[in-house]
Amino acid sequence: MNTKYTPNHFFIRMKSNKQLLALAILSLFFASCDVLKAVATQALTIPTSSEATSGLKDALKQGFGNGVDFLSAKGGFLNNAAYKILLPADAQKVADKLRSLGMDAQVDQVIAKLNEGAENAVKTAKPIFMDAVTSMNFSDAMGILTGGKGSATAYLKNTTTAALTNAFKPKIQEALNQVGVTKYWGDLVAIYNKLPMTQKLNPDLNSFVTEKALVALFSKVEEEENAIRANPAKRATEMMKKAFAYADSQKR
C-alpha cells in the first residue's frame, strides 16, 4: 500500500528536522561552554611561576618557623615524649650502673642538659632554612608543590643537613660543658671500660644528640608541612592558598 504524502506531512517533517537541528546546535553550544569553562578554570587555577614559588616559600617559612619555635622553647625536647632525647644504648649501660648506686639525680641532670643543648641548637636553624628557601627556583618549587606529603621537608633535609650539623654541634657542646658532662662522662666511660668482662664503650654524646635533634626538627617541620597540605585553613597567605589549591587539583 503506497503512503500518500500531503502538504501537512511535509511541513510536519520539516518542523521535526528543525527541532532536531536546534537540539544539536544547543548541545554543541553547551558542550563548548563546558570546554570554555574548563579552560577558564584551569587558567585561573594554574599559578604563575612567581605565585607558585612565593606560595611554597611562604609555606616553608611557616612550617619551619613553627617547628623551630616549638622545639627551641624551654622544655621543647625534654617535656615532649615524642622528641625527648635519652642516652644512647651504650651510654645507658653506664647510666643504669650509676642509678643502681643511687646517682639518679646526676643521670637526670645529664639527660636534661642533652635536651637543653638540642633546644639551643635548634634556634640556629631559621637562617639556615631561610637560605635554602631563598635559593629555591621555579623548577624546585613546582616539583615540591605537586610532590605530595613531605616533599618540602625532603628538599630542606637535602639542602640544609650539613649546615645544620655544623651549627648544632657547638651549641650542644656548650650545653654539655655547662655541667662538665663531657669530662665527667668521659671519666665514667674510662672507668667502665677498665672493668673486667665489659665491652669497651666510646659514646659520642655530641654526635648522638646532634643526630637526634635533626631527626626531631625535620619530623616537626614535616608535620607542619603536611598540615598545610591537608587543611586549607592552615594556608595563611593568599599565595599559599592559590599555590596549594593548584596542588590539590593535581591530586584528583
C-alpha atoms as a PDB file:
ATOM      1  CA  MET A   1       0.000   0.000   0.000  1.00  0.00           C
ATOM      2  CA  ASN A   2       1.530   3.332  -1.028  1.00  0.00           C
ATOM      3  CA  THR A   3       1.606   6.172   1.503  1.00  0.00           C
ATOM      4  CA  LYS A   4       0.268   9.372   0.134  1.00  0.00           C
ATOM      5  CA  TYR A   5       2.129  12.441   1.425  1.00  0.00           C
ATOM      6  CA  THR A   6       0.137  15.587   1.848  1.00  0.00           C
ATOM      7  CA  PRO A   7       1.496  19.120   2.312  1.00  0.00           C
ATOM      8  CA  ASN A   8       0.825  18.699   6.060  1.00  0.00           C
ATOM      9  CA  HIS A   9       3.121  15.690   6.192  1.00  0.00           C
ATOM     10  CA  PHE A  10       5.845  17.718   4.534  1.00  0.00           C
ATOM     11  CA  PHE A  11       5.588  20.631   6.958  1.00  0.00           C
ATOM     12  CA  ILE A  12       5.458  18.322   9.997  1.00  0.00           C
ATOM     13  CA  ARG A  13       8.612  16.582   8.829  1.00  0.00           C
ATOM     14  CA  MET A  14      10.348  19.895   8.199  1.00  0.00           C
ATOM     15  CA  LYS A  15       9.363  21.070  11.674  1.00  0.00           C
ATOM     16  CA  SER A  16      10.729  17.886  13.218  1.00  0.00           C
ATOM     17  CA  ASN A  17      14.033  18.276  11.384  1.00  0.00           C
ATOM     18  CA  LYS A  18      14.317  21.872  12.540  1.00  0.00           C
ATOM     19  CA  GLN A  19      13.772  20.770  16.132  1.00  0.00           C
ATOM     20  CA  LEU A  20      16.475  18.119  15.834  1.00  0.00           C
ATOM     21  CA  LEU A  21      18.838  20.683  14.304  1.00  0.00           C
ATOM     22  CA  ALA A  22      18.075  23.120  17.115  1.00  0.00           C
ATOM     23  CA  LEU A  23      18.768  20.439  19.728  1.00  0.00           C
ATOM     24  CA  ALA A  24      22.060  19.590  18.024  1.00  0.00           C
ATOM     25  CA  ILE A  25      23.096  23.252  17.980  1.00  0.00           C
ATOM     26  CA  LEU A  26      22.169  23.652  21.656  1.00  0.00           C
ATOM     27  CA  SER A  27      24.177  20.537  22.556  1.00  0.00           C
ATOM     28  CA  LEU A  28      27.219  21.896  20.745  1.00  0.00           C
ATOM     29  CA  PHE A  29      26.743  25.270  22.426  1.00  0.00           C
ATOM     30  CA  PHE A  30      26.601  23.844  25.935  1.00  0.00           C
ATOM     31  CA  ALA A  31      29.482  21.486  25.220  1.00  0.00           C
ATOM     32  CA  SER A  32      31.517  24.442  24.025  1.00  0.00           C
ATOM     33  CA  CYS A  33      30.566  26.323  27.191  1.00  0.00           C
ATOM     34  CA  ASP A  34      31.796  23.434  29.294  1.00  0.00           C
ATOM     35  CA  VAL A  35      35.092  23.393  27.418  1.00  0.00           C
ATOM     36  CA  LEU A  36      35.474  27.145  27.746  1.00  0.00           C
ATOM     37  CA  LYS A  37      34.595  26.954  31.426  1.00  0.00           C
ATOM     38  CA  ALA A  38      37.176  24.217  31.976  1.00  0.00           C
ATOM     39  CA  VAL A  39      39.821  26.227  30.131  1.00  0.00           C
ATOM     40  CA  ALA A  40      38.941  29.358  32.095  1.00  0.00           C
ATOM     41  CA  THR A  41      39.012  27.464  35.391  1.00  0.00           C
ATOM     42  CA  GLN A  42      42.376  25.953  34.519  1.00  0.00           C
ATOM     43  CA  ALA A  43      43.744  29.359  33.573  1.00  0.00           C
ATOM     44  CA  LEU A  44      42.589  30.783  36.879  1.00  0.00           C
ATOM     45  CA  THR A  45      43.876  27.789  38.867  1.00  0.00           C
ATOM     46  CA  ILE A  46      47.388  27.329  37.488  1.00  0.00           C
ATOM     47  CA  PRO A  47      49.674  29.700  39.410  1.00  0.00           C
ATOM     48  CA  THR A  48      52.310  31.716  37.628  1.00  0.00           C
ATOM     49  CA  SER A  49      55.933  30.843  38.299  1.00  0.00           C
ATOM     50  CA  SER A  50      56.140  33.757  40.725  1.00  0.00           C
ATOM     51  CA  GLU A  51      52.938  32.756  42.547  1.00  0.00           C
ATOM     52  CA  ALA A  52      53.945  29.099  42.834  1.00  0.00           C
ATOM     53  CA  THR A  53      57.378  29.964  44.172  1.00  0.00           C
ATOM     54  CA  SER A  54      56.056  32.614  46.566  1.00  0.00           C
ATOM     55  CA  GLY A  55      53.285  30.349  47.833  1.00  0.00           C
ATOM     56  CA  LEU A  56      55.645  27.474  48.529  1.00  0.00           C
ATOM     57  CA  LYS A  57      58.215  29.739  50.164  1.00  0.00           C
ATOM     58  CA  ASP A  58      55.506  31.128  52.439  1.00  0.00           C
ATOM     59  CA  ALA A  59      54.540  27.572  53.380  1.00  0.00           C
ATOM     60  CA  LEU A  60      58.129  26.598  54.097  1.00  0.00           C
ATOM     61  CA  LYS A  61      58.711  29.676  56.228  1.00  0.00           C
ATOM     62  CA  GLN A  62      55.543  28.964  58.176  1.00  0.00           C
ATOM     63  CA  GLY A  63      56.406  25.278  58.538  1.00  0.00           C
ATOM     64  CA  PHE A  64      59.984  25.588  59.687  1.00  0.00           C
ATOM     65  CA  GLY A  65      59.165  28.688  61.722  1.00  0.00           C
ATOM     66  CA  ASN A  66      56.538  26.855  63.758  1.00  0.00           C
ATOM     67  CA  GLY A  67      58.748  23.784  64.045  1.00  0.00           C
ATOM     68  CA  VAL A  68      61.768  25.719  65.292  1.00  0.00           C
ATOM     69  CA  ASP A  69      59.690  27.791  67.725  1.00  0.00           C
ATOM     70  CA  PHE A  70      58.102  24.671  69.185  1.00  0.00           C
ATOM     71  CA  LEU A  71      61.326  22.706  69.714  1.00  0.00           C
ATOM     72  CA  SER A  72      63.511  25.621  70.815  1.00  0.00           C
ATOM     73  CA  ALA A  73      61.112  26.623  73.583  1.00  0.00           C
ATOM     74  CA  LYS A  74      62.102  25.666  77.116  1.00  0.00           C
ATOM     75  CA  GLY A  75      61.191  22.018  77.510  1.00  0.00           C
ATOM     76  CA  GLY A  76      60.578  21.645  73.784  1.00  0.00           C
ATOM     77  CA  PHE A  77      62.543  18.403  73.803  1.00  0.00           C
ATOM     78  CA  LEU A  78      62.639  17.376  77.467  1.00  0.00           C
ATOM     79  CA  ASN A  79      58.896  17.729  78.127  1.00  0.00           C
ATOM     80  CA  ASN A  80      57.690  16.072  74.913  1.00  0.00           C
ATOM     81  CA  ALA A  81      57.813  12.299  74.861  1.00  0.00           C
ATOM     82  CA  ALA A  82      57.950  12.228  71.052  1.00  0.00           C
ATOM     83  CA  TYR A  83      61.140  14.339  70.976  1.00  0.00           C
ATOM     84  CA  LYS A  84      62.832  13.783  74.337  1.00  0.00           C
ATOM     85  CA  ILE A  85      66.426  12.690  73.863  1.00  0.00           C
ATOM     86  CA  LEU A  86      67.548   9.804  76.049  1.00  0.00           C
ATOM     87  CA  LEU A  87      71.014   8.351  76.353  1.00  0.00           C
ATOM     88  CA  PRO A  88      72.377   6.188  73.553  1.00  0.00           C
ATOM     89  CA  ALA A  89      72.275   2.444  74.133  1.00  0.00           C
ATOM     90  CA  ASP A  90      75.979   2.231  75.019  1.00  0.00           C
ATOM     91  CA  ALA A  91      75.780   5.122  77.463  1.00  0.00           C
ATOM     92  CA  GLN A  92      72.627   3.694  79.010  1.00  0.00           C
ATOM     93  CA  LYS A  93      74.667   0.815  80.399  1.00  0.00           C
ATOM     94  CA  VAL A  94      76.758   3.302  82.339  1.00  0.00           C
ATOM     95  CA  ALA A  95      73.661   5.236  83.428  1.00  0.00           C
ATOM     96  CA  ASP A  96      71.976   2.064  84.717  1.00  0.00           C
ATOM     97  CA  LYS A  97      75.051   1.300  86.811  1.00  0.00           C
ATOM     98  CA  LEU A  98      75.073   4.823  88.237  1.00  0.00           C
ATOM     99  CA  ARG A  99      71.371   4.662  89.076  1.00  0.00           C
ATOM    100  CA  SER A 100      71.948   1.397  90.901  1.00  0.00           C
ATOM    101  CA  LEU A 101      74.442   3.307  93.060  1.00  0.00           C
ATOM    102  CA  GLY A 102      71.858   5.967  93.928  1.00  0.00           C
ATOM    103  CA  MET A 103      73.035   8.571  91.402  1.00  0.00           C
ATOM    104  CA  ASP A 104      69.652   9.178  89.750  1.00  0.00           C
ATOM    105  CA  ALA A 105      69.895  12.961  90.089  1.00  0.00           C
ATOM    106  CA  GLN A 106      73.246  13.072  88.300  1.00  0.00           C
ATOM    107  CA  VAL A 107      71.989  10.921  85.425  1.00  0.00           C
ATOM    108  CA  ASP A 108      68.812  13.010  85.130  1.00  0.00           C
ATOM    109  CA  GLN A 109      70.924  16.163  85.012  1.00  0.00           C
ATOM    110  CA  VAL A 110      72.947  14.773  82.128  1.00  0.00           C
ATOM    111  CA  ILE A 111      69.757  13.923  80.212  1.00  0.00           C
ATOM    112  CA  ALA A 112      68.325  17.382  80.931  1.00  0.00           C
ATOM    113  CA  LYS A 113      71.464  19.003  79.555  1.00  0.00           C
ATOM    114  CA  LEU A 114      71.390  16.857  76.436  1.00  0.00           C
ATOM    115  CA  ASN A 115      67.875  18.129  75.728  1.00  0.00           C
ATOM    116  CA  GLU A 116      68.744  21.714  76.640  1.00  0.00           C
ATOM    117  CA  GLY A 117      71.601  21.571  74.170  1.00  0.00           C
ATOM    118  CA  ALA A 118      69.220  20.362  71.466  1.00  0.00           C
ATOM    119  CA  GLU A 119      66.787  23.203  72.245  1.00  0.00           C
ATOM    120  CA  ASN A 120      69.559  25.787  71.977  1.00  0.00           C
ATOM    121  CA  ALA A 121      70.896  24.217  68.796  1.00  0.00           C
ATOM    122  CA  VAL A 122      67.533  24.288  67.033  1.00  0.00           C
ATOM    123  CA  LYS A 123      67.403  28.072  67.489  1.00  0.00           C
ATOM    124  CA  THR A 124      70.206  28.352  64.931  1.00  0.00           C
ATOM    125  CA  ALA A 125      68.154  26.616  62.226  1.00  0.00           C
ATOM    126  CA  LYS A 126      65.976  29.502  60.975  1.00  0.00           C
ATOM    127  CA  PRO A 127      68.617  31.437  58.996  1.00  0.00           C
ATOM    128  CA  ILE A 128      69.939  28.187  57.505  1.00  0.00           C
ATOM    129  CA  PHE A 129      66.465  27.177  56.382  1.00  0.00           C
ATOM    130  CA  MET A 130      65.886  30.697  55.071  1.00  0.00           C
ATOM    131  CA  ASP A 131      68.981  30.489  52.860  1.00  0.00           C
ATOM    132  CA  ALA A 132      67.701  27.226  51.362  1.00  0.00           C
ATOM    133  CA  VAL A 133      64.274  28.719  50.697  1.00  0.00           C
ATOM    134  CA  THR A 134      65.714  31.897  49.169  1.00  0.00           C
ATOM    135  CA  SER A 135      67.814  29.924  46.686  1.00  0.00           C
ATOM    136  CA  MET A 136      64.853  27.826  45.515  1.00  0.00           C
ATOM    137  CA  ASN A 137      63.974  28.189  41.825  1.00  0.00           C
ATOM    138  CA  PHE A 138      60.672  27.693  39.970  1.00  0.00           C
ATOM    139  CA  SER A 139      61.513  24.142  38.925  1.00  0.00           C
ATOM    140  CA  ASP A 140      62.210  23.217  42.550  1.00  0.00           C
ATOM    141  CA  ALA A 141      59.023  24.934  43.686  1.00  0.00           C
ATOM    142  CA  MET A 142      56.666  23.231  41.218  1.00  0.00           C
ATOM    143  CA  GLY A 143      58.202  19.822  41.878  1.00  0.00           C
ATOM    144  CA  ILE A 144      57.806  20.260  45.625  1.00  0.00           C
ATOM    145  CA  LEU A 145      54.344  21.807  45.325  1.00  0.00           C
ATOM    146  CA  THR A 146      52.904  18.852  43.412  1.00  0.00           C
ATOM    147  CA  GLY A 147      55.141  16.244  45.027  1.00  0.00           C
ATOM    148  CA  GLY A 148      52.795  15.407  47.877  1.00  0.00           C
ATOM    149  CA  LYS A 149      53.323  14.967  51.596  1.00  0.00           C
ATOM    150  CA  GLY A 150      56.821  15.590  52.913  1.00  0.00           C
ATOM    151  CA  SER A 151      58.230  16.892  49.617  1.00  0.00           C
ATOM    152  CA  ALA A 152      59.140  20.317  51.020  1.00  0.00           C
ATOM    153  CA  THR A 153      60.724  18.787  54.114  1.00  0.00           C
ATOM    154  CA  ALA A 154      62.745  16.407  51.948  1.00  0.00           C
ATOM    155  CA  TYR A 155      64.033  19.416  49.995  1.00  0.00           C
ATOM    156  CA  LEU A 156      65.099  21.142  53.213  1.00  0.00           C
ATOM    157  CA  LYS A 157      66.711  17.973  54.510  1.00  0.00           C
ATOM    158  CA  ASN A 158      68.758  17.563  51.322  1.00  0.00           C
ATOM    159  CA  THR A 159      69.875  21.190  51.222  1.00  0.00           C
ATOM    160  CA  THR A 160      70.456  22.017  54.907  1.00  0.00           C
ATOM    161  CA  THR A 161      71.563  18.909  56.844  1.00  0.00           C
ATOM    162  CA  ALA A 162      75.295  19.572  56.513  1.00  0.00           C
ATOM    163  CA  ALA A 163      74.979  23.233  57.539  1.00  0.00           C
ATOM    164  CA  LEU A 164      72.628  22.385  60.415  1.00  0.00           C
ATOM    165  CA  THR A 165      75.002  19.731  61.714  1.00  0.00           C
ATOM    166  CA  ASN A 166      77.855  22.240  61.789  1.00  0.00           C
ATOM    167  CA  ALA A 167      75.653  24.807  63.522  1.00  0.00           C
ATOM    168  CA  PHE A 168      74.179  22.387  66.069  1.00  0.00           C
ATOM    169  CA  LYS A 169      77.344  20.781  67.406  1.00  0.00           C
ATOM    170  CA  PRO A 170      78.862  23.858  69.115  1.00  0.00           C
ATOM    171  CA  LYS A 171      75.546  24.669  70.829  1.00  0.00           C
ATOM    172  CA  ILE A 172      75.164  21.129  72.075  1.00  0.00           C
ATOM    173  CA  GLN A 173      78.773  21.012  73.243  1.00  0.00           C
ATOM    174  CA  GLU A 174      78.261  24.276  75.103  1.00  0.00           C
ATOM    175  CA  ALA A 175      75.304  22.787  76.991  1.00  0.00           C
ATOM    176  CA  LEU A 176      77.270  19.630  77.819  1.00  0.00           C
ATOM    177  CA  ASN A 177      80.194  21.668  79.099  1.00  0.00           C
ATOM    178  CA  GLN A 178      77.985  23.700  81.454  1.00  0.00           C
ATOM    179  CA  VAL A 179      77.769  20.791  83.882  1.00  0.00           C
ATOM    180  CA  GLY A 180      81.024  19.157  82.918  1.00  0.00           C
ATOM    181  CA  VAL A 181      79.219  16.387  81.087  1.00  0.00           C
ATOM    182  CA  THR A 182      81.995  15.840  78.560  1.00  0.00           C
ATOM    183  CA  LYS A 183      84.777  15.367  81.127  1.00  0.00           C
ATOM    184  CA  TYR A 184      82.533  13.733  83.697  1.00  0.00           C
ATOM    185  CA  TRP A 185      81.072  11.342  81.182  1.00  0.00           C
ATOM    186  CA  GLY A 186      84.463  10.636  79.635  1.00  0.00           C
ATOM    187  CA  ASP A 187      85.905   9.744  83.058  1.00  0.00           C
ATOM    188  CA  LEU A 188      82.988   7.445  83.815  1.00  0.00           C
ATOM    189  CA  VAL A 189      83.317   5.698  80.466  1.00  0.00           C
ATOM    190  CA  ALA A 190      87.054   5.267  81.034  1.00  0.00           C
ATOM    191  CA  ILE A 191      86.389   3.646  84.421  1.00  0.00           C
ATOM    192  CA  TYR A 192      83.652   1.459  82.954  1.00  0.00           C
ATOM    193  CA  ASN A 193      85.929   0.330  80.143  1.00  0.00           C
ATOM    194  CA  LYS A 194      88.522  -0.864  82.699  1.00  0.00           C
ATOM    195  CA  LEU A 195      86.057  -3.210  84.352  1.00  0.00           C
ATOM    196  CA  PRO A 196      86.654  -6.871  83.518  1.00  0.00           C
ATOM    197  CA  MET A 197      84.263  -8.680  81.190  1.00  0.00           C
ATOM    198  CA  THR A 198      82.800  -5.462  79.770  1.00  0.00           C
ATOM    199  CA  GLN A 199      82.546  -4.396  76.154  1.00  0.00           C
ATOM    200  CA  LYS A 200      84.562  -1.249  75.543  1.00  0.00           C
ATOM    201  CA  LEU A 201      82.378   1.838  75.014  1.00  0.00           C
ATOM    202  CA  ASN A 202      83.034   5.218  73.473  1.00  0.00           C
ATOM    203  CA  PRO A 203      79.698   7.037  73.254  1.00  0.00           C
ATOM    204  CA  ASP A 204      79.990  10.350  71.409  1.00  0.00           C
ATOM    205  CA  LEU A 205      77.198  12.252  73.127  1.00  0.00           C
ATOM    206  CA  ASN A 206      77.548  15.345  70.959  1.00  0.00           C
ATOM    207  CA  SER A 207      77.133  13.480  67.663  1.00  0.00           C
ATOM    208  CA  PHE A 208      74.310  11.425  69.135  1.00  0.00           C
ATOM    209  CA  VAL A 209      72.372  14.474  70.365  1.00  0.00           C
ATOM    210  CA  THR A 210      73.016  16.352  67.097  1.00  0.00           C
ATOM    211  CA  GLU A 211      71.555  13.486  65.091  1.00  0.00           C
ATOM    212  CA  LYS A 212      68.526  13.189  67.384  1.00  0.00           C
ATOM    213  CA  ALA A 213      67.932  16.955  67.255  1.00  0.00           C
ATOM    214  CA  LEU A 214      67.978  16.905  63.446  1.00  0.00           C
ATOM    215  CA  VAL A 215      65.567  13.977  63.289  1.00  0.00           C
ATOM    216  CA  ALA A 216      63.192  15.759  65.673  1.00  0.00           C
ATOM    217  CA  LEU A 217      63.416  19.038  63.770  1.00  0.00           C
ATOM    218  CA  PHE A 218      62.661  17.558  60.357  1.00  0.00           C
ATOM    219  CA  SER A 219      59.884  15.452  61.850  1.00  0.00           C
ATOM    220  CA  LYS A 220      58.227  18.559  63.297  1.00  0.00           C
ATOM    221  CA  VAL A 221      58.694  20.548  60.086  1.00  0.00           C
ATOM    222  CA  GLU A 222      57.136  17.718  58.069  1.00  0.00           C
ATOM    223  CA  GLU A 223      54.196  17.642  60.460  1.00  0.00           C
ATOM    224  CA  GLU A 224      53.668  21.360  59.836  1.00  0.00           C
ATOM    225  CA  GLU A 225      54.037  20.954  56.059  1.00  0.00           C
ATOM    226  CA  ASN A 226      51.508  18.127  55.876  1.00  0.00           C
ATOM    227  CA  ALA A 227      49.034  20.138  57.950  1.00  0.00           C
ATOM    228  CA  ILE A 228      49.240  22.932  55.354  1.00  0.00           C
ATOM    229  CA  ARG A 229      48.680  20.451  52.541  1.00  0.00           C
ATOM    230  CA  ALA A 230      45.731  18.758  54.256  1.00  0.00           C
ATOM    231  CA  ASN A 231      43.951  21.751  55.753  1.00  0.00           C
ATOM    232  CA  PRO A 232      43.271  24.892  53.663  1.00  0.00           C
ATOM    233  CA  ALA A 233      42.664  26.823  56.900  1.00  0.00           C
ATOM    234  CA  LYS A 234      46.394  26.477  57.641  1.00  0.00           C
ATOM    235  CA  ARG A 235      47.309  28.422  54.489  1.00  0.00           C
ATOM    236  CA  ALA A 236      47.966  31.831  55.955  1.00  0.00           C
ATOM    237  CA  THR A 237      48.720  33.901  52.824  1.00  0.00           C
ATOM    238  CA  GLU A 238      46.934  34.414  49.507  1.00  0.00           C
ATOM    239  CA  MET A 239      49.907  32.988  47.611  1.00  0.00           C
ATOM    240  CA  MET A 240      49.820  29.841  49.746  1.00  0.00           C
ATOM    241  CA  LYS A 241      46.111  29.446  49.105  1.00  0.00           C
ATOM    242  CA  LYS A 242      46.485  29.754  45.327  1.00  0.00           C
ATOM    243  CA  ALA A 243      49.586  27.554  45.078  1.00  0.00           C
ATOM    244  CA  PHE A 244      48.198  24.738  47.216  1.00  0.00           C
ATOM    245  CA  ALA A 245      44.748  24.936  45.614  1.00  0.00           C
ATOM    246  CA  TYR A 246      46.553  24.086  42.366  1.00  0.00           C
ATOM    247  CA  ALA A 247      48.426  21.261  44.120  1.00  0.00           C
ATOM    248  CA  ASP A 248      45.081  19.963  45.417  1.00  0.00           C
ATOM    249  CA  SER A 249      43.640  19.996  41.885  1.00  0.00           C
ATOM    250  CA  GLN A 250      46.514  17.832  40.635  1.00  0.00           C
ATOM    251  CA  LYS A 251      45.646  15.068  43.089  1.00  0.00           C
ATOM    252  CA  ARG A 252      42.233  14.478  41.515  1.00  0.00           C
END
